[in-house]
Amino acid sequence: MPSSHPPLLVVEDDAIVRMLIVDVLEALGYAVIEADNAAAALRVLNNPQQSLALMMTDIGLPDMNGKVLAGKALDARPTLPILFASGYGDSVQVPQGMHLIGKPFSIDQLRDKVRSILAE
């Protein structure tokens, strides 16, 4: 049951896209923490009181590349799963052990991707 997981951190600068992702994840039973940029995400990541199950981040953020953010996330939380969302789809290379979902993605694709990552 998804609700047994700690929250998912969603980092997306486009407010409409972020709202849609959060709505879908919450409808699937996940708790979600939203961040509209890398600085906001890092405040969450660097808070030892805040548990997280996964970070989903856009690769193209205004204040920091999503891959750089992922590196900083793993510095703070070495076992945190990372899911990148990219409008460039499969042409984007993501670091070893990290995951990618191409935009636009369907609700089912997002559900299946998150479930498979959390099941690992």
PDB file of N, CA and C in Angstrom:
ATOM      1  N   MET A   1       0.855  -1.195   0.000  1.00  0.00           N
ATOM      2  CA  MET A   1       0.000   0.000   0.000  1.00  0.00           C
ATOM      3  C   MET A   1       0.885   1.237   0.000  1.00  0.00           C
ATOM      4  N   PRO A   2       0.709   2.143  -0.941  1.00  0.00           N
ATOM      5  CA  PRO A   2       1.607   3.292  -1.072  1.00  0.00           C
ATOM      6  C   PRO A   2       1.707   4.158   0.180  1.00  0.00           C
ATOM      7  N   SER A   3       0.615   4.301   0.929  1.00  0.00           N
ATOM      8  CA  SER A   3       0.613   5.235   2.053  1.00  0.00           C
ATOM      9  C   SER A   3       1.601   4.836   3.146  1.00  0.00           C
ATOM     10  N   SER A   4       2.126   3.597   3.093  1.00  0.00           N
ATOM     11  CA  SER A   4       3.106   3.173   4.094  1.00  0.00           C
ATOM     12  C   SER A   4       4.487   3.767   3.804  1.00  0.00           C
ATOM     13  N   HIS A   5       4.657   4.337   2.619  1.00  0.00           N
ATOM     14  CA  HIS A   5       5.941   4.935   2.254  1.00  0.00           C
ATOM     15  C   HIS A   5       6.059   6.338   2.832  1.00  0.00           C
ATOM     16  N   PRO A   6       7.294   6.769   3.102  1.00  0.00           N
ATOM     17  CA  PRO A   6       7.512   8.194   3.384  1.00  0.00           C
ATOM     18  C   PRO A   6       7.112   9.009   2.151  1.00  0.00           C
ATOM     19  N   PRO A   7       7.035  10.319   2.292  1.00  0.00           N
ATOM     20  CA  PRO A   7       6.618  11.143   1.148  1.00  0.00           C
ATOM     21  C   PRO A   7       7.601  11.096  -0.015  1.00  0.00           C
ATOM     22  N   LEU A   8       7.079  11.446  -1.178  1.00  0.00           N
ATOM     23  CA  LEU A   8       7.876  11.610  -2.385  1.00  0.00           C
ATOM     24  C   LEU A   8       8.135  13.101  -2.550  1.00  0.00           C
ATOM     25  N   LEU A   9       9.343  13.468  -2.923  1.00  0.00           N
ATOM     26  CA  LEU A   9       9.690  14.868  -3.182  1.00  0.00           C
ATOM     27  C   LEU A   9       9.596  15.104  -4.683  1.00  0.00           C
ATOM     28  N   VAL A  10       8.738  16.050  -5.086  1.00  0.00           N
ATOM     29  CA  VAL A  10       8.567  16.393  -6.496  1.00  0.00           C
ATOM     30  C   VAL A  10       9.149  17.781  -6.730  1.00  0.00           C
ATOM     31  N   VAL A  11      10.157  17.847  -7.606  1.00  0.00           N
ATOM     32  CA  VAL A  11      10.843  19.109  -7.913  1.00  0.00           C
ATOM     33  C   VAL A  11      10.540  19.452  -9.366  1.00  0.00           C
ATOM     34  N   GLU A  12       9.743  20.490  -9.558  1.00  0.00           N
ATOM     35  CA  GLU A  12       9.307  20.885 -10.913  1.00  0.00           C
ATOM     36  C   GLU A  12       9.009  22.377 -10.875  1.00  0.00           C
ATOM     37  N   ASP A  13       9.647  23.138 -11.781  1.00  0.00           N
ATOM     38  CA  ASP A  13       9.468  24.590 -11.757  1.00  0.00           C
ATOM     39  C   ASP A  13       8.179  25.043 -12.434  1.00  0.00           C
ATOM     40  N   ASP A  14       7.623  24.242 -13.320  1.00  0.00           N
ATOM     41  CA  ASP A  14       6.376  24.607 -13.991  1.00  0.00           C
ATOM     42  C   ASP A  14       5.211  24.267 -13.056  1.00  0.00           C
ATOM     43  N   ALA A  15       4.513  25.288 -12.580  1.00  0.00           N
ATOM     44  CA  ALA A  15       3.480  25.097 -11.556  1.00  0.00           C
ATOM     45  C   ALA A  15       2.373  24.152 -12.017  1.00  0.00           C
ATOM     46  N   ILE A  16       1.975  24.247 -13.278  1.00  0.00           N
ATOM     47  CA  ILE A  16       0.886  23.405 -13.781  1.00  0.00           C
ATOM     48  C   ILE A  16       1.336  21.951 -13.856  1.00  0.00           C
ATOM     49  N   VAL A  17       2.527  21.726 -14.385  1.00  0.00           N
ATOM     50  CA  VAL A  17       3.059  20.363 -14.476  1.00  0.00           C
ATOM     51  C   VAL A  17       3.222  19.780 -13.073  1.00  0.00           C
ATOM     52  N   ARG A  18       3.774  20.593 -12.151  1.00  0.00           N
ATOM     53  CA  ARG A  18       3.969  20.125 -10.769  1.00  0.00           C
ATOM     54  C   ARG A  18       2.632  19.749 -10.138  1.00  0.00           C
ATOM     55  N   MET A  19       1.625  20.590 -10.331  1.00  0.00           N
ATOM     56  CA  MET A  19       0.310  20.313  -9.765  1.00  0.00           C
ATOM     57  C   MET A  19      -0.254  19.000 -10.311  1.00  0.00           C
ATOM     58  N   LEU A  20      -0.102  18.768 -11.613  1.00  0.00           N
ATOM     59  CA  LEU A  20      -0.613  17.533 -12.210  1.00  0.00           C
ATOM     60  C   LEU A  20       0.099  16.305 -11.653  1.00  0.00           C
ATOM     61  N   ILE A  21       1.423  16.377 -11.547  1.00  0.00           N
ATOM     62  CA  ILE A  21       2.193  15.253 -11.003  1.00  0.00           C
ATOM     63  C   ILE A  21       1.769  14.975  -9.562  1.00  0.00           C
ATOM     64  N   VAL A  22       1.678  16.042  -8.760  1.00  0.00           N
ATOM     65  CA  VAL A  22       1.299  15.887  -7.352  1.00  0.00           C
ATOM     66  C   VAL A  22      -0.105  15.312  -7.241  1.00  0.00           C
ATOM     67  N   ASP A  23      -1.037  15.822  -8.060  1.00  0.00           N
ATOM     68  CA  ASP A  23      -2.412  15.304  -8.023  1.00  0.00           C
ATOM     69  C   ASP A  23      -2.448  13.815  -8.337  1.00  0.00           C
ATOM     70  N   VAL A  24      -1.700  13.400  -9.347  1.00  0.00           N
ATOM     71  CA  VAL A  24      -1.672  11.984  -9.736  1.00  0.00           C
ATOM     72  C   VAL A  24      -1.085  11.141  -8.605  1.00  0.00           C
ATOM     73  N   LEU A  25       0.051  11.565  -8.069  1.00  0.00           N
ATOM     74  CA  LEU A  25       0.699  10.785  -7.011  1.00  0.00           C
ATOM     75  C   LEU A  25      -0.177  10.698  -5.765  1.00  0.00           C
ATOM     76  N   GLU A  26      -0.824  11.810  -5.409  1.00  0.00           N
ATOM     77  CA  GLU A  26      -1.709  11.795  -4.241  1.00  0.00           C
ATOM     78  C   GLU A  26      -2.925  10.905  -4.490  1.00  0.00           C
ATOM     79  N   ALA A  27      -3.444  10.924  -5.722  1.00  0.00           N
ATOM     80  CA  ALA A  27      -4.580  10.062  -6.060  1.00  0.00           C
ATOM     81  C   ALA A  27      -4.182   8.590  -5.971  1.00  0.00           C
ATOM     82  N   LEU A  28      -2.903   8.291  -6.195  1.00  0.00           N
ATOM     83  CA  LEU A  28      -2.401   6.920  -6.090  1.00  0.00           C
ATOM     84  C   LEU A  28      -2.093   6.533  -4.643  1.00  0.00           C
ATOM     85  N   GLY A  29      -2.250   7.498  -3.726  1.00  0.00           N
ATOM     86  CA  GLY A  29      -2.076   7.195  -2.312  1.00  0.00           C
ATOM     87  C   GLY A  29      -0.748   7.601  -1.712  1.00  0.00           C
ATOM     88  N   TYR A  30       0.069   8.322  -2.479  1.00  0.00           N
ATOM     89  CA  TYR A  30       1.365   8.760  -1.960  1.00  0.00           C
ATOM     90  C   TYR A  30       1.247  10.133  -1.316  1.00  0.00           C
ATOM     91  N   ALA A  31       2.011  10.322  -0.240  1.00  0.00           N
ATOM     92  CA  ALA A  31       2.194  11.666   0.309  1.00  0.00           C
ATOM     93  C   ALA A  31       3.258  12.353  -0.540  1.00  0.00           C
ATOM     94  N   VAL A  32       3.101  13.655  -0.770  1.00  0.00           N
ATOM     95  CA  VAL A  32       4.013  14.379  -1.658  1.00  0.00           C
ATOM     96  C   VAL A  32       4.447  15.688  -1.017  1.00  0.00           C
ATOM     97  N   ILE A  33       5.718  15.979  -1.150  1.00  0.00           N
ATOM     98  CA  ILE A  33       6.264  17.292  -0.798  1.00  0.00           C
ATOM     99  C   ILE A  33       6.658  17.953  -2.105  1.00  0.00           C
ATOM    100  N   GLU A  34       6.226  19.196  -2.290  1.00  0.00           N
ATOM    101  CA  GLU A  34       6.505  19.915  -3.534  1.00  0.00           C
ATOM    102  C   GLU A  34       7.653  20.897  -3.351  1.00  0.00           C
ATOM    103  N   ALA A  35       8.467  21.015  -4.404  1.00  0.00           N
ATOM    104  CA  ALA A  35       9.502  22.050  -4.449  1.00  0.00           C
ATOM    105  C   ALA A  35       9.475  22.646  -5.851  1.00  0.00           C
ATOM    106  N   ASP A  36       9.496  23.977  -5.940  1.00  0.00           N
ATOM    107  CA  ASP A  36       9.419  24.609  -7.257  1.00  0.00           C
ATOM    108  C   ASP A  36      10.793  24.945  -7.822  1.00  0.00           C
ATOM    109  N   ASN A  37      11.851  24.643  -7.067  1.00  0.00           N
ATOM    110  CA  ASN A  37      13.208  24.835  -7.569  1.00  0.00           C
ATOM    111  C   ASN A  37      14.183  24.012  -6.742  1.00  0.00           C
ATOM    112  N   ALA A  38      15.427  23.993  -7.167  1.00  0.00           N
ATOM    113  CA  ALA A  38      16.435  23.172  -6.494  1.00  0.00           C
ATOM    114  C   ALA A  38      16.699  23.657  -5.077  1.00  0.00           C
ATOM    115  N   ALA A  39      16.683  24.974  -4.862  1.00  0.00           N
ATOM    116  CA  ALA A  39      16.954  25.501  -3.518  1.00  0.00           C
ATOM    117  C   ALA A  39      15.907  24.994  -2.523  1.00  0.00           C
ATOM    118  N   ALA A  40      14.651  25.013  -2.922  1.00  0.00           N
ATOM    119  CA  ALA A  40      13.579  24.514  -2.055  1.00  0.00           C
ATOM    120  C   ALA A  40      13.747  23.014  -1.814  1.00  0.00           C
ATOM    121  N   ALA A  41      14.136  22.283  -2.861  1.00  0.00           N
ATOM    122  CA  ALA A  41      14.347  20.843  -2.724  1.00  0.00           C
ATOM    123  C   ALA A  41      15.486  20.556  -1.745  1.00  0.00           C
ATOM    124  N   LEU A  42      16.552  21.336  -1.831  1.00  0.00           N
ATOM    125  CA  LEU A  42      17.703  21.106  -0.952  1.00  0.00           C
ATOM    126  C   LEU A  42      17.355  21.370   0.508  1.00  0.00           C
ATOM    127  N   ARG A  43      16.455  22.322   0.757  1.00  0.00           N
ATOM    128  CA  ARG A  43      16.023  22.555   2.141  1.00  0.00           C
ATOM    129  C   ARG A  43      15.350  21.302   2.701  1.00  0.00           C
ATOM    130  N   VAL A  44      14.556  20.637   1.875  1.00  0.00           N
ATOM    131  CA  VAL A  44      13.896  19.393   2.299  1.00  0.00           C
ATOM    132  C   VAL A  44      14.932  18.276   2.451  1.00  0.00           C
ATOM    133  N   LEU A  45      15.788  18.142   1.451  1.00  0.00           N
ATOM    134  CA  LEU A  45      16.781  17.065   1.447  1.00  0.00           C
ATOM    135  C   LEU A  45      17.751  17.160   2.619  1.00  0.00           C
ATOM    136  N   ASN A  46      18.063  18.379   3.012  1.00  0.00           N
ATOM    137  CA  ASN A  46      19.042  18.585   4.085  1.00  0.00           C
ATOM    138  C   ASN A  46      18.414  18.623   5.471  1.00  0.00           C
ATOM    139  N   ASN A  47      17.108  18.376   5.565  1.00  0.00           N
ATOM    140  CA  ASN A  47      16.414  18.317   6.850  1.00  0.00           C
ATOM    141  C   ASN A  47      16.406  16.864   7.324  1.00  0.00           C
ATOM    142  N   PRO A  48      17.230  16.536   8.318  1.00  0.00           N
ATOM    143  CA  PRO A  48      17.313  15.138   8.750  1.00  0.00           C
ATOM    144  C   PRO A  48      16.011  14.618   9.365  1.00  0.00           C
ATOM    145  N   GLN A  49      15.126  15.506   9.776  1.00  0.00           N
ATOM    146  CA  GLN A  49      13.845  15.083  10.355  1.00  0.00           C
ATOM    147  C   GLN A  49      12.856  14.615   9.292  1.00  0.00           C
ATOM    148  N   GLN A  50      13.106  14.962   8.024  1.00  0.00           N
ATOM    149  CA  GLN A  50      12.168  14.663   6.942  1.00  0.00           C
ATOM    150  C   GLN A  50      12.567  13.383   6.227  1.00  0.00           C
ATOM    151  N   SER A  51      11.751  12.344   6.358  1.00  0.00           N
ATOM    152  CA  SER A  51      12.032  11.122   5.604  1.00  0.00           C
ATOM    153  C   SER A  51      11.466  11.265   4.194  1.00  0.00           C
ATOM    154  N   LEU A  52      12.107  10.595   3.248  1.00  0.00           N
ATOM    155  CA  LEU A  52      11.673  10.628   1.850  1.00  0.00           C
ATOM    156  C   LEU A  52      11.813   9.232   1.251  1.00  0.00           C
ATOM    157  N   ALA A  53      10.868   8.873   0.382  1.00  0.00           N
ATOM    158  CA  ALA A  53      10.927   7.585  -0.296  1.00  0.00           C
ATOM    159  C   ALA A  53      11.601   7.700  -1.661  1.00  0.00           C
ATOM    160  N   LEU A  54      11.501   8.895  -2.278  1.00  0.00           N
ATOM    161  CA  LEU A  54      11.965   9.069  -3.650  1.00  0.00           C
ATOM    162  C   LEU A  54      11.987  10.558  -3.961  1.00  0.00           C
ATOM    163  N   MET A  55      12.892  10.973  -4.856  1.00  0.00           N
ATOM    164  CA  MET A  55      12.852  12.334  -5.384  1.00  0.00           C
ATOM    165  C   MET A  55      12.614  12.251  -6.881  1.00  0.00           C
ATOM    166  N   MET A  56      11.581  12.937  -7.334  1.00  0.00           N
ATOM    167  CA  MET A  56      11.311  13.074  -8.765  1.00  0.00           C
ATOM    168  C   MET A  56      11.638  14.507  -9.140  1.00  0.00           C
ATOM    169  N   THR A  57      12.545  14.682 -10.090  1.00  0.00           N
ATOM    170  CA  THR A  57      12.949  16.037 -10.455  1.00  0.00           C
ATOM    171  C   THR A  57      12.973  16.231 -11.964  1.00  0.00           C
ATOM    172  N   ASP A  58      12.599  17.429 -12.365  1.00  0.00           N
ATOM    173  CA  ASP A  58      12.770  17.842 -13.751  1.00  0.00           C
ATOM    174  C   ASP A  58      14.275  17.997 -13.979  1.00  0.00           C
ATOM    175  N   ILE A  59      14.733  17.692 -15.179  1.00  0.00           N
ATOM    176  CA  ILE A  59      16.155  17.889 -15.455  1.00  0.00           C
ATOM    177  C   ILE A  59      16.441  19.378 -15.664  1.00  0.00           C
ATOM    178  N   GLY A  60      15.507  20.086 -16.312  1.00  0.00           N
ATOM    179  CA  GLY A  60      15.720  21.502 -16.596  1.00  0.00           C
ATOM    180  C   GLY A  60      15.079  22.390 -15.549  1.00  0.00           C
ATOM    181  N   LEU A  61      15.813  22.677 -14.478  1.00  0.00           N
ATOM    182  CA  LEU A  61      15.331  23.594 -13.439  1.00  0.00           C
ATOM    183  C   LEU A  61      15.991  24.953 -13.650  1.00  0.00           C
ATOM    184  N   PRO A  62      15.317  26.031 -13.238  1.00  0.00           N
ATOM    185  CA  PRO A  62      15.874  27.365 -13.501  1.00  0.00           C
ATOM    186  C   PRO A  62      17.133  27.667 -12.702  1.00  0.00           C
ATOM    187  N   ASP A  63      17.259  27.119 -11.497  1.00  0.00           N
ATOM    188  CA  ASP A  63      18.374  27.521 -10.641  1.00  0.00           C
ATOM    189  C   ASP A  63      19.501  26.497 -10.564  1.00  0.00           C
ATOM    190  N   MET A  64      19.267  25.280 -11.068  1.00  0.00           N
ATOM    191  CA  MET A  64      20.298  24.243 -11.003  1.00  0.00           C
ATOM    192  C   MET A  64      19.861  23.092 -11.900  1.00  0.00           C
ATOM    193  N   ASN A  65      20.787  22.518 -12.632  1.00  0.00           N
ATOM    194  CA  ASN A  65      20.481  21.347 -13.446  1.00  0.00           C
ATOM    195  C   ASN A  65      20.003  20.219 -12.537  1.00  0.00           C
ATOM    196  N   GLY A  66      18.991  19.494 -12.976  1.00  0.00           N
ATOM    197  CA  GLY A  66      18.447  18.403 -12.174  1.00  0.00           C
ATOM    198  C   GLY A  66      19.475  17.340 -11.829  1.00  0.00           C
ATOM    199  N   LYS A  67      20.448  17.118 -12.727  1.00  0.00           N
ATOM    200  CA  LYS A  67      21.488  16.120 -12.447  1.00  0.00           C
ATOM    201  C   LYS A  67      22.406  16.598 -11.322  1.00  0.00           C
ATOM    202  N   VAL A  68      22.683  17.894 -11.298  1.00  0.00           N
ATOM    203  CA  VAL A  68      23.489  18.457 -10.211  1.00  0.00           C
ATOM    204  C   VAL A  68      22.710  18.337  -8.897  1.00  0.00           C
ATOM    205  N   LEU A  69      21.424  18.658  -8.946  1.00  0.00           N
ATOM    206  CA  LEU A  69      20.578  18.509  -7.770  1.00  0.00           C
ATOM    207  C   LEU A  69      20.588  17.060  -7.277  1.00  0.00           C
ATOM    208  N   ALA A  70      20.494  16.114  -8.201  1.00  0.00           N
ATOM    209  CA  ALA A  70      20.502  14.697  -7.823  1.00  0.00           C
ATOM    210  C   ALA A  70      21.795  14.328  -7.111  1.00  0.00           C
ATOM    211  N   GLY A  71      22.907  14.856  -7.602  1.00  0.00           N
ATOM    212  CA  GLY A  71      24.190  14.607  -6.933  1.00  0.00           C
ATOM    213  C   GLY A  71      24.191  15.129  -5.513  1.00  0.00           C
ATOM    214  N   LYS A  72      23.659  16.339  -5.327  1.00  0.00           N
ATOM    215  CA  LYS A  72      23.578  16.925  -3.987  1.00  0.00           C
ATOM    216  C   LYS A  72      22.604  16.131  -3.116  1.00  0.00           C
ATOM    217  N   ALA A  73      21.515  15.650  -3.726  1.00  0.00           N
ATOM    218  CA  ALA A  73      20.545  14.838  -2.986  1.00  0.00           C
ATOM    219  C   ALA A  73      21.219  13.569  -2.466  1.00  0.00           C
ATOM    220  N   LEU A  74      22.039  12.943  -3.320  1.00  0.00           N
ATOM    221  CA  LEU A  74      22.693  11.706  -2.908  1.00  0.00           C
ATOM    222  C   LEU A  74      23.808  11.955  -1.894  1.00  0.00           C
ATOM    223  N   ASP A  75      24.391  13.158  -1.916  1.00  0.00           N
ATOM    224  CA  ASP A  75      25.353  13.512  -0.866  1.00  0.00           C
ATOM    225  C   ASP A  75      24.646  13.499   0.492  1.00  0.00           C
ATOM    226  N   ALA A  76      23.431  14.037   0.515  1.00  0.00           N
ATOM    227  CA  ALA A  76      22.665  14.124   1.763  1.00  0.00           C
ATOM    228  C   ALA A  76      22.002  12.797   2.113  1.00  0.00           C
ATOM    229  N   ARG A  77      21.572  12.051   1.084  1.00  0.00           N
ATOM    230  CA  ARG A  77      20.812  10.808   1.275  1.00  0.00           C
ATOM    231  C   ARG A  77      21.277   9.774   0.255  1.00  0.00           C
ATOM    232  N   PRO A  78      22.334   9.050   0.567  1.00  0.00           N
ATOM    233  CA  PRO A  78      22.970   8.164  -0.424  1.00  0.00           C
ATOM    234  C   PRO A  78      22.065   7.074  -0.991  1.00  0.00           C
ATOM    235  N   THR A  79      21.010   6.696  -0.293  1.00  0.00           N
ATOM    236  CA  THR A  79      20.162   5.603  -0.780  1.00  0.00           C
ATOM    237  C   THR A  79      18.857   6.088  -1.411  1.00  0.00           C
ATOM    238  N   LEU A  80      18.687   7.407  -1.525  1.00  0.00           N
ATOM    239  CA  LEU A  80      17.424   7.943  -2.054  1.00  0.00           C
ATOM    240  C   LEU A  80      17.292   7.639  -3.547  1.00  0.00           C
ATOM    241  N   PRO A  81      16.198   6.968  -3.959  1.00  0.00           N
ATOM    242  CA  PRO A  81      15.978   6.771  -5.393  1.00  0.00           C
ATOM    243  C   PRO A  81      15.678   8.106  -6.080  1.00  0.00           C
ATOM    244  N   ILE A  82      16.206   8.265  -7.285  1.00  0.00           N
ATOM    245  CA  ILE A  82      16.023   9.490  -8.065  1.00  0.00           C
ATOM    246  C   ILE A  82      15.309   9.144  -9.369  1.00  0.00           C
ATOM    247  N   LEU A  83      14.246   9.889  -9.658  1.00  0.00           N
ATOM    248  CA  LEU A  83      13.517   9.754 -10.921  1.00  0.00           C
ATOM    249  C   LEU A  83      13.566  11.092 -11.638  1.00  0.00           C
ATOM    250  N   PHE A  84      14.178  11.104 -12.820  1.00  0.00           N
ATOM    251  CA  PHE A  84      14.214  12.320 -13.637  1.00  0.00           C
ATOM    252  C   PHE A  84      13.018  12.344 -14.573  1.00  0.00           C
ATOM    253  N   ALA A  85      12.456  13.521 -14.775  1.00  0.00           N
ATOM    254  CA  ALA A  85      11.435  13.737 -15.796  1.00  0.00           C
ATOM    255  C   ALA A  85      12.052  14.656 -16.841  1.00  0.00           C
ATOM    256  N   SER A  86      11.917  14.270 -18.111  1.00  0.00           N
ATOM    257  CA  SER A  86      12.527  15.079 -19.159  1.00  0.00           C
ATOM    258  C   SER A  86      11.650  15.128 -20.386  1.00  0.00           C
ATOM    259  N   GLY A  87      11.507  16.327 -20.933  1.00  0.00           N
ATOM    260  CA  GLY A  87      10.804  16.500 -22.195  1.00  0.00           C
ATOM    261  C   GLY A  87      11.617  15.999 -23.375  1.00  0.00           C
ATOM    262  N   TYR A  88      12.879  15.655 -23.138  1.00  0.00           N
ATOM    263  CA  TYR A  88      13.728  15.143 -24.216  1.00  0.00           C
ATOM    264  C   TYR A  88      13.702  13.623 -24.277  1.00  0.00           C
ATOM    265  N   GLY A  89      12.901  13.022 -23.405  1.00  0.00           N
ATOM    266  CA  GLY A  89      12.684  11.581 -23.465  1.00  0.00           C
ATOM    267  C   GLY A  89      13.941  10.758 -23.371  1.00  0.00           C
ATOM    268  N   ASP A  90      14.070   9.798 -24.280  1.00  0.00           N
ATOM    269  CA  ASP A  90      15.132   8.812 -24.187  1.00  0.00           C
ATOM    270  C   ASP A  90      16.500   9.345 -24.609  1.00  0.00           C
ATOM    271  N   SER A  91      16.560  10.567 -25.127  1.00  0.00           N
ATOM    272  CA  SER A  91      17.850  11.089 -25.557  1.00  0.00           C
ATOM    273  C   SER A  91      18.689  11.572 -24.375  1.00  0.00           C
ATOM    274  N   VAL A  92      18.097  11.618 -23.195  1.00  0.00           N
ATOM    275  CA  VAL A  92      18.808  12.094 -22.006  1.00  0.00           C
ATOM    276  C   VAL A  92      19.512  10.927 -21.327  1.00  0.00           C
ATOM    277  N   GLN A  93      20.777  11.124 -21.012  1.00  0.00           N
ATOM    278  CA  GLN A  93      21.523  10.116 -20.255  1.00  0.00           C
ATOM    279  C   GLN A  93      21.415  10.456 -18.776  1.00  0.00           C
ATOM    280  N   VAL A  94      21.018   9.469 -17.980  1.00  0.00           N
ATOM    281  CA  VAL A  94      20.958   9.713 -16.538  1.00  0.00           C
ATOM    282  C   VAL A  94      22.030   8.881 -15.852  1.00  0.00           C
ATOM    283  N   PRO A  95      22.519   9.364 -14.709  1.00  0.00           N
ATOM    284  CA  PRO A  95      23.575   8.637 -14.009  1.00  0.00           C
ATOM    285  C   PRO A  95      23.153   7.217 -13.643  1.00  0.00           C
ATOM    286  N   GLN A  96      24.148   6.361 -13.529  1.00  0.00           N
ATOM    287  CA  GLN A  96      23.943   4.958 -13.167  1.00  0.00           C
ATOM    288  C   GLN A  96      23.068   4.839 -11.922  1.00  0.00           C
ATOM    289  N   GLY A  97      22.096   3.948 -11.964  1.00  0.00           N
ATOM    290  CA  GLY A  97      21.252   3.697 -10.807  1.00  0.00           C
ATOM    291  C   GLY A  97      20.094   4.658 -10.656  1.00  0.00           C
ATOM    292  N   MET A  98      20.007   5.653 -11.539  1.00  0.00           N
ATOM    293  CA  MET A  98      18.897   6.598 -11.490  1.00  0.00           C
ATOM    294  C   MET A  98      17.911   6.263 -12.600  1.00  0.00           C
ATOM    295  N   HIS A  99      16.724   6.837 -12.517  1.00  0.00           N
ATOM    296  CA  HIS A  99      15.631   6.465 -13.408  1.00  0.00           C
ATOM    297  C   HIS A  99      15.163   7.675 -14.216  1.00  0.00           C
ATOM    298  N   LEU A 100      14.515   7.398 -15.351  1.00  0.00           N
ATOM    299  CA  LEU A 100      14.057   8.464 -16.248  1.00  0.00           C
ATOM    300  C   LEU A 100      12.650   8.159 -16.726  1.00  0.00           C
ATOM    301  N   ILE A 101      11.816   9.187 -16.755  1.00  0.00           N
ATOM    302  CA  ILE A 101      10.506   9.091 -17.395  1.00  0.00           C
ATOM    303  C   ILE A 101      10.404  10.266 -18.352  1.00  0.00           C
ATOM    304  N   GLY A 102       9.991   9.987 -19.589  1.00  0.00           N
ATOM    305  CA  GLY A 102       9.892  11.038 -20.601  1.00  0.00           C
ATOM    306  C   GLY A 102       8.572  11.782 -20.486  1.00  0.00           C
ATOM    307  N   LYS A 103       8.638  13.105 -20.654  1.00  0.00           N
ATOM    308  CA  LYS A 103       7.427  13.924 -20.697  1.00  0.00           C
ATOM    309  C   LYS A 103       6.989  14.040 -22.147  1.00  0.00           C
ATOM    310  N   PRO A 104       5.711  14.058 -22.453  1.00  0.00           N
ATOM    311  CA  PRO A 104       4.627  13.848 -21.487  1.00  0.00           C
ATOM    312  C   PRO A 104       4.489  12.371 -21.162  1.00  0.00           C
ATOM    313  N   PHE A 105       4.077  12.080 -19.937  1.00  0.00           N
ATOM    314  CA  PHE A 105       3.847  10.698 -19.544  1.00  0.00           C
ATOM    315  C   PHE A 105       2.406  10.559 -19.088  1.00  0.00           C
ATOM    316  N   SER A 106       1.898   9.337 -19.192  1.00  0.00           N
ATOM    317  CA  SER A 106       0.521   9.083 -18.772  1.00  0.00           C
ATOM    318  C   SER A 106       0.488   8.815 -17.269  1.00  0.00           C
ATOM    319  N   ILE A 107      -0.689   8.873 -16.706  1.00  0.00           N
ATOM    320  CA  ILE A 107      -0.876   8.536 -15.294  1.00  0.00           C
ATOM    321  C   ILE A 107      -0.376   7.112 -15.045  1.00  0.00           C
ATOM    322  N   ASP A 108      -0.723   6.199 -15.948  1.00  0.00           N
ATOM    323  CA  ASP A 108      -0.319   4.805 -15.777  1.00  0.00           C
ATOM    324  C   ASP A 108       1.199   4.655 -15.832  1.00  0.00           C
ATOM    325  N   GLN A 109       1.842   5.391 -16.746  1.00  0.00           N
ATOM    326  CA  GLN A 109       3.311   5.314 -16.843  1.00  0.00           C
ATOM    327  C   GLN A 109       3.957   5.813 -15.553  1.00  0.00           C
ATOM    328  N   LEU A 110       3.437   6.928 -15.025  1.00  0.00           N
ATOM    329  CA  LEU A 110       3.990   7.480 -13.789  1.00  0.00           C
ATOM    330  C   LEU A 110       3.770   6.500 -12.637  1.00  0.00           C
ATOM    331  N   ARG A 111       2.564   5.976 -12.534  1.00  0.00           N
ATOM    332  CA  ARG A 111       2.243   5.014 -11.466  1.00  0.00           C
ATOM    333  C   ARG A 111       3.190   3.809 -11.535  1.00  0.00           C
ATOM    334  N   ASP A 112       3.325   3.230 -12.730  1.00  0.00           N
ATOM    335  CA  ASP A 112       4.137   2.027 -12.874  1.00  0.00           C
ATOM    336  C   ASP A 112       5.610   2.300 -12.585  1.00  0.00           C
ATOM    337  N   LYS A 113       6.107   3.455 -13.031  1.00  0.00           N
ATOM    338  CA  LYS A 113       7.510   3.804 -12.822  1.00  0.00           C
ATOM    339  C   LYS A 113       7.795   3.998 -11.329  1.00  0.00           C
ATOM    340  N   VAL A 114       6.931   4.744 -10.646  1.00  0.00           N
ATOM    341  CA  VAL A 114       7.144   4.997  -9.212  1.00  0.00           C
ATOM    342  C   VAL A 114       7.044   3.690  -8.433  1.00  0.00           C
ATOM    343  N   ARG A 115       6.042   2.875  -8.737  1.00  0.00           N
ATOM    344  CA  ARG A 115       5.889   1.601  -8.029  1.00  0.00           C
ATOM    345  C   ARG A 115       7.099   0.696  -8.225  1.00  0.00           C
ATOM    346  N   SER A 116       7.618   0.645  -9.462  1.00  0.00           N
ATOM    347  CA  SER A 116       8.757  -0.247  -9.718  1.00  0.00           C
ATOM    348  C   SER A 116      10.004   0.254  -8.989  1.00  0.00           C
ATOM    349  N   ILE A 117      10.199   1.569  -8.932  1.00  0.00           N
ATOM    350  CA  ILE A 117      11.367   2.126  -8.219  1.00  0.00           C
ATOM    351  C   ILE A 117      11.264   1.824  -6.728  1.00  0.00           C
ATOM    352  N   LEU A 118      10.079   2.041  -6.157  1.00  0.00           N
ATOM    353  CA  LEU A 118       9.915   1.849  -4.710  1.00  0.00           C
ATOM    354  C   LEU A 118       9.952   0.373  -4.331  1.00  0.00           C
ATOM    355  N   ALA A 119       9.703  -0.502  -5.294  1.00  0.00           N
ATOM    356  CA  ALA A 119       9.726  -1.942  -5.017  1.00  0.00           C
ATOM    357  C   ALA A 119      11.162  -2.504  -5.028  1.00  0.00           C
ATOM    358  N   GLU A 120      12.108  -1.744  -5.572  1.00  0.00           N
ATOM    359  CA  GLU A 120      13.497  -2.235  -5.687  1.00  0.00           C
ATOM    360  C   GLU A 120      14.135  -2.422  -4.318  1.00  0.00           C
TER     361      GLU A 120
END
